[in-house]
Amino acid sequence: MGGRHGGRSRVSGKEGLTAVRKRLQSYADRGVFRGLAEEPLRGSRYRFKFLWLTSAPFTLVYAPKSGSIVIRDLLPNLGPRTAVRKGIRAFILSRTDGALPEHRRIDVRCVNVACEVRRGLLSVKLVAKRRDHDYAVNRAVNLIHEIFVQLHTYFPEYMWENFDVPEE
């Protein structure tokens, strides 16, 4: 039996790419993103860049074959034992908790979520299951927004130092 957001069968690469494009474009059309641009990458991966929340562009890489959506280098300067790194990693993983309201939760029946830090740069990865690519993009965008709300609330110094956010 399939999840709420899709059927049992695997989505084709073309269908998944179309769903990702449409969802990202809908955010741009509504004025959430500015400057949405798509760049084909090597192989069968696609890169989408857009401006939102910070002055630096966000990079979302989509691999139709695996259904993975990676937000590359979302957060810089995360040292190995910093409170920010630990707090944000825990926050990201907590988004799958069934006790969260549905609009804030990442449904693991539809999407797997993970994060990794390499050379101090945090990337977030969501992998769509079945036909849940649209849902995965929606959850990725919501997750990014919630991460920045967490940073503003609990780690304002990090925002001041890394994103030139006013100290007010």
Protein backbone atom coordinates (compact mmCIF):
# COMPACT_ATOMS: atom_id res chain seq x y z
CA MET A 1 0.00 0.00 0.00
CA GLY A 2 1.40 3.44 -0.96
CA GLY A 3 1.86 6.50 1.22
CA ARG A 4 -0.58 9.39 1.36
CA HIS A 5 1.41 11.43 -1.11
CA GLY A 6 1.90 8.93 -3.88
CA GLY A 7 1.25 5.52 -5.33
CA ARG A 8 3.19 2.32 -5.15
CA SER A 9 4.97 2.49 -8.49
CA ARG A 10 8.28 4.23 -8.99
CA VAL A 11 8.12 7.58 -10.76
CA SER A 12 10.06 7.95 -13.99
CA GLY A 13 12.97 10.37 -14.12
CA LYS A 14 11.06 12.61 -16.49
CA GLU A 15 7.95 12.67 -14.26
CA GLY A 16 10.04 13.40 -11.18
CA LEU A 17 11.93 16.21 -12.90
CA THR A 18 8.66 17.70 -14.12
CA ALA A 19 7.22 17.59 -10.58
CA VAL A 20 10.34 19.23 -9.12
CA ARG A 21 10.38 21.94 -11.80
CA LYS A 22 6.68 22.71 -11.34
CA ARG A 23 6.91 22.92 -7.56
CA LEU A 24 9.98 25.17 -7.61
CA GLN A 25 8.41 27.35 -10.31
CA SER A 26 5.26 27.70 -8.21
CA TYR A 27 7.35 29.16 -5.40
CA ALA A 28 8.99 31.57 -7.85
CA ASP A 29 5.63 32.54 -9.35
CA ARG A 30 4.28 33.34 -5.88
CA GLY A 31 7.32 35.51 -5.15
CA VAL A 32 8.80 33.21 -2.52
CA PHE A 33 11.99 32.77 -4.58
CA ARG A 34 13.74 35.27 -6.79
CA GLY A 35 15.84 34.42 -9.81
CA LEU A 36 15.02 30.72 -10.15
CA ALA A 37 17.40 29.20 -12.71
CA GLU A 38 18.01 25.62 -13.80
CA GLU A 39 21.35 24.21 -14.90
CA PRO A 40 21.84 20.64 -16.15
CA LEU A 41 24.70 18.88 -14.44
CA ARG A 42 26.81 15.91 -15.50
CA GLY A 43 24.90 12.71 -15.85
CA SER A 44 21.26 12.94 -14.99
CA ARG A 45 21.35 15.51 -12.19
CA TYR A 46 19.92 19.02 -12.34
CA ARG A 47 20.87 22.10 -10.37
CA PHE A 48 18.37 24.79 -9.44
CA LYS A 49 19.52 28.10 -8.00
CA PHE A 50 17.35 30.74 -6.41
CA LEU A 51 17.50 33.63 -3.98
CA TRP A 52 15.56 33.41 -0.76
CA LEU A 53 16.09 34.26 2.92
CA THR A 54 19.74 35.36 2.45
CA SER A 55 21.76 37.36 -0.04
CA ALA A 56 23.57 34.20 -1.23
CA PRO A 57 21.77 31.89 -3.67
CA PHE A 58 20.49 28.51 -2.56
CA THR A 59 21.47 25.47 -4.62
CA LEU A 60 19.12 22.51 -4.92
CA VAL A 61 20.42 19.47 -6.80
CA TYR A 62 17.92 16.90 -8.05
CA ALA A 63 18.85 13.40 -9.21
CA PRO A 64 15.85 11.87 -11.02
CA LYS A 65 17.28 8.35 -10.93
CA SER A 66 17.38 8.20 -7.12
CA GLY A 67 14.73 10.83 -6.35
CA SER A 68 17.24 12.72 -4.18
CA ILE A 69 16.96 16.42 -3.54
CA VAL A 70 20.05 17.94 -1.95
CA ILE A 71 20.27 21.50 -0.69
CA ARG A 72 24.01 21.98 -1.02
CA ASP A 73 26.07 23.97 1.43
CA LEU A 74 23.01 25.39 3.16
CA LEU A 75 24.92 26.50 6.25
CA PRO A 76 28.60 27.51 6.40
CA ASN A 77 31.12 27.52 9.23
CA LEU A 78 29.79 24.66 11.35
CA GLY A 79 32.70 23.51 13.44
CA PRO A 80 32.76 19.90 14.66
CA ARG A 81 31.69 20.50 18.25
CA THR A 82 29.66 23.68 18.02
CA ALA A 83 26.25 24.09 19.61
CA VAL A 84 24.88 25.35 16.29
CA ARG A 85 25.95 22.21 14.44
CA LYS A 86 24.57 19.87 17.10
CA GLY A 87 21.36 21.86 17.47
CA ILE A 88 20.58 22.09 13.76
CA ARG A 89 21.39 18.42 13.08
CA ALA A 90 19.08 17.38 15.92
CA PHE A 91 16.40 19.77 14.68
CA ILE A 92 16.53 18.39 11.12
CA LEU A 93 16.25 14.80 12.30
CA SER A 94 13.41 15.72 14.67
CA ARG A 95 11.21 16.80 11.75
CA THR A 96 10.14 13.19 11.22
CA ASP A 97 8.61 12.90 14.70
CA GLY A 98 5.02 11.65 14.44
CA ALA A 99 4.00 13.98 17.28
CA LEU A 100 4.58 17.04 15.08
CA PRO A 101 1.59 18.56 13.29
CA GLU A 102 1.30 17.21 9.74
CA HIS A 103 2.15 20.57 8.12
CA ARG A 104 5.47 20.67 9.99
CA ARG A 105 6.37 16.98 9.81
CA ILE A 106 8.31 15.10 7.15
CA ASP A 107 6.41 11.89 6.47
CA VAL A 108 9.00 9.09 6.32
CA ARG A 109 6.58 6.98 4.29
CA CYS A 110 7.11 9.50 1.49
CA VAL A 111 10.56 11.01 2.04
CA ASN A 112 13.80 10.10 3.81
CA VAL A 113 15.74 13.02 5.28
CA ALA A 114 19.40 13.30 6.29
CA CYS A 115 22.06 15.94 6.70
CA GLU A 116 25.81 15.96 6.49
CA VAL A 117 28.59 18.39 7.25
CA ARG A 118 31.69 18.42 5.06
CA ARG A 119 34.46 20.96 5.52
CA GLY A 120 32.14 22.91 7.83
CA LEU A 121 29.31 23.15 5.26
CA LEU A 122 25.94 21.58 6.09
CA SER A 123 23.90 20.04 3.27
CA VAL A 124 20.41 18.57 3.61
CA LYS A 125 19.20 15.59 1.58
CA LEU A 126 15.65 14.40 1.04
CA VAL A 127 14.95 11.29 -1.02
CA ALA A 128 11.46 10.98 -2.49
CA LYS A 129 9.78 7.60 -2.45
CA ARG A 130 7.35 6.45 -5.11
CA ARG A 131 5.63 9.44 -6.69
CA ASP A 132 6.40 11.89 -3.90
CA HIS A 133 8.77 14.31 -5.64
CA ASP A 134 6.40 17.26 -5.34
CA TYR A 135 5.96 16.51 -1.65
CA ALA A 136 9.74 16.21 -1.21
CA VAL A 137 10.32 19.67 -2.70
CA ASN A 138 7.60 21.11 -0.49
CA ARG A 139 9.15 19.51 2.61
CA ALA A 140 12.64 20.70 1.58
CA VAL A 141 11.45 24.30 1.26
CA ASN A 142 9.56 24.13 4.55
CA LEU A 143 12.58 22.56 6.25
CA ILE A 144 14.90 25.30 5.02
CA HIS A 145 12.51 27.93 6.31
CA GLU A 146 12.22 26.22 9.70
CA ILE A 147 16.01 25.88 9.96
CA PHE A 148 16.40 29.63 9.48
CA VAL A 149 13.67 30.32 12.05
CA GLN A 150 15.58 28.09 14.50
CA LEU A 151 18.82 29.91 13.76
CA HIS A 152 17.21 33.34 14.23
CA THR A 153 15.61 32.21 17.49
CA TYR A 154 18.34 30.14 19.15
CA PHE A 155 21.57 31.10 17.39
CA PRO A 156 21.29 34.79 16.40
CA GLU A 157 25.07 35.25 16.70
CA TYR A 158 25.55 32.63 13.99
CA MET A 159 23.17 34.55 11.73
CA TRP A 160 24.97 37.84 12.41
CA GLU A 161 28.37 36.33 11.69
CA ASN A 162 27.49 34.22 8.64
CA PHE A 163 24.56 35.92 6.93
CA ASP A 164 25.06 39.60 7.80
CA VAL A 165 21.70 39.68 9.58
CA PRO A 166 21.20 42.85 11.64
CA GLU A 167 21.76 42.41 15.36
CA GLU A 168 18.33 43.85 16.20
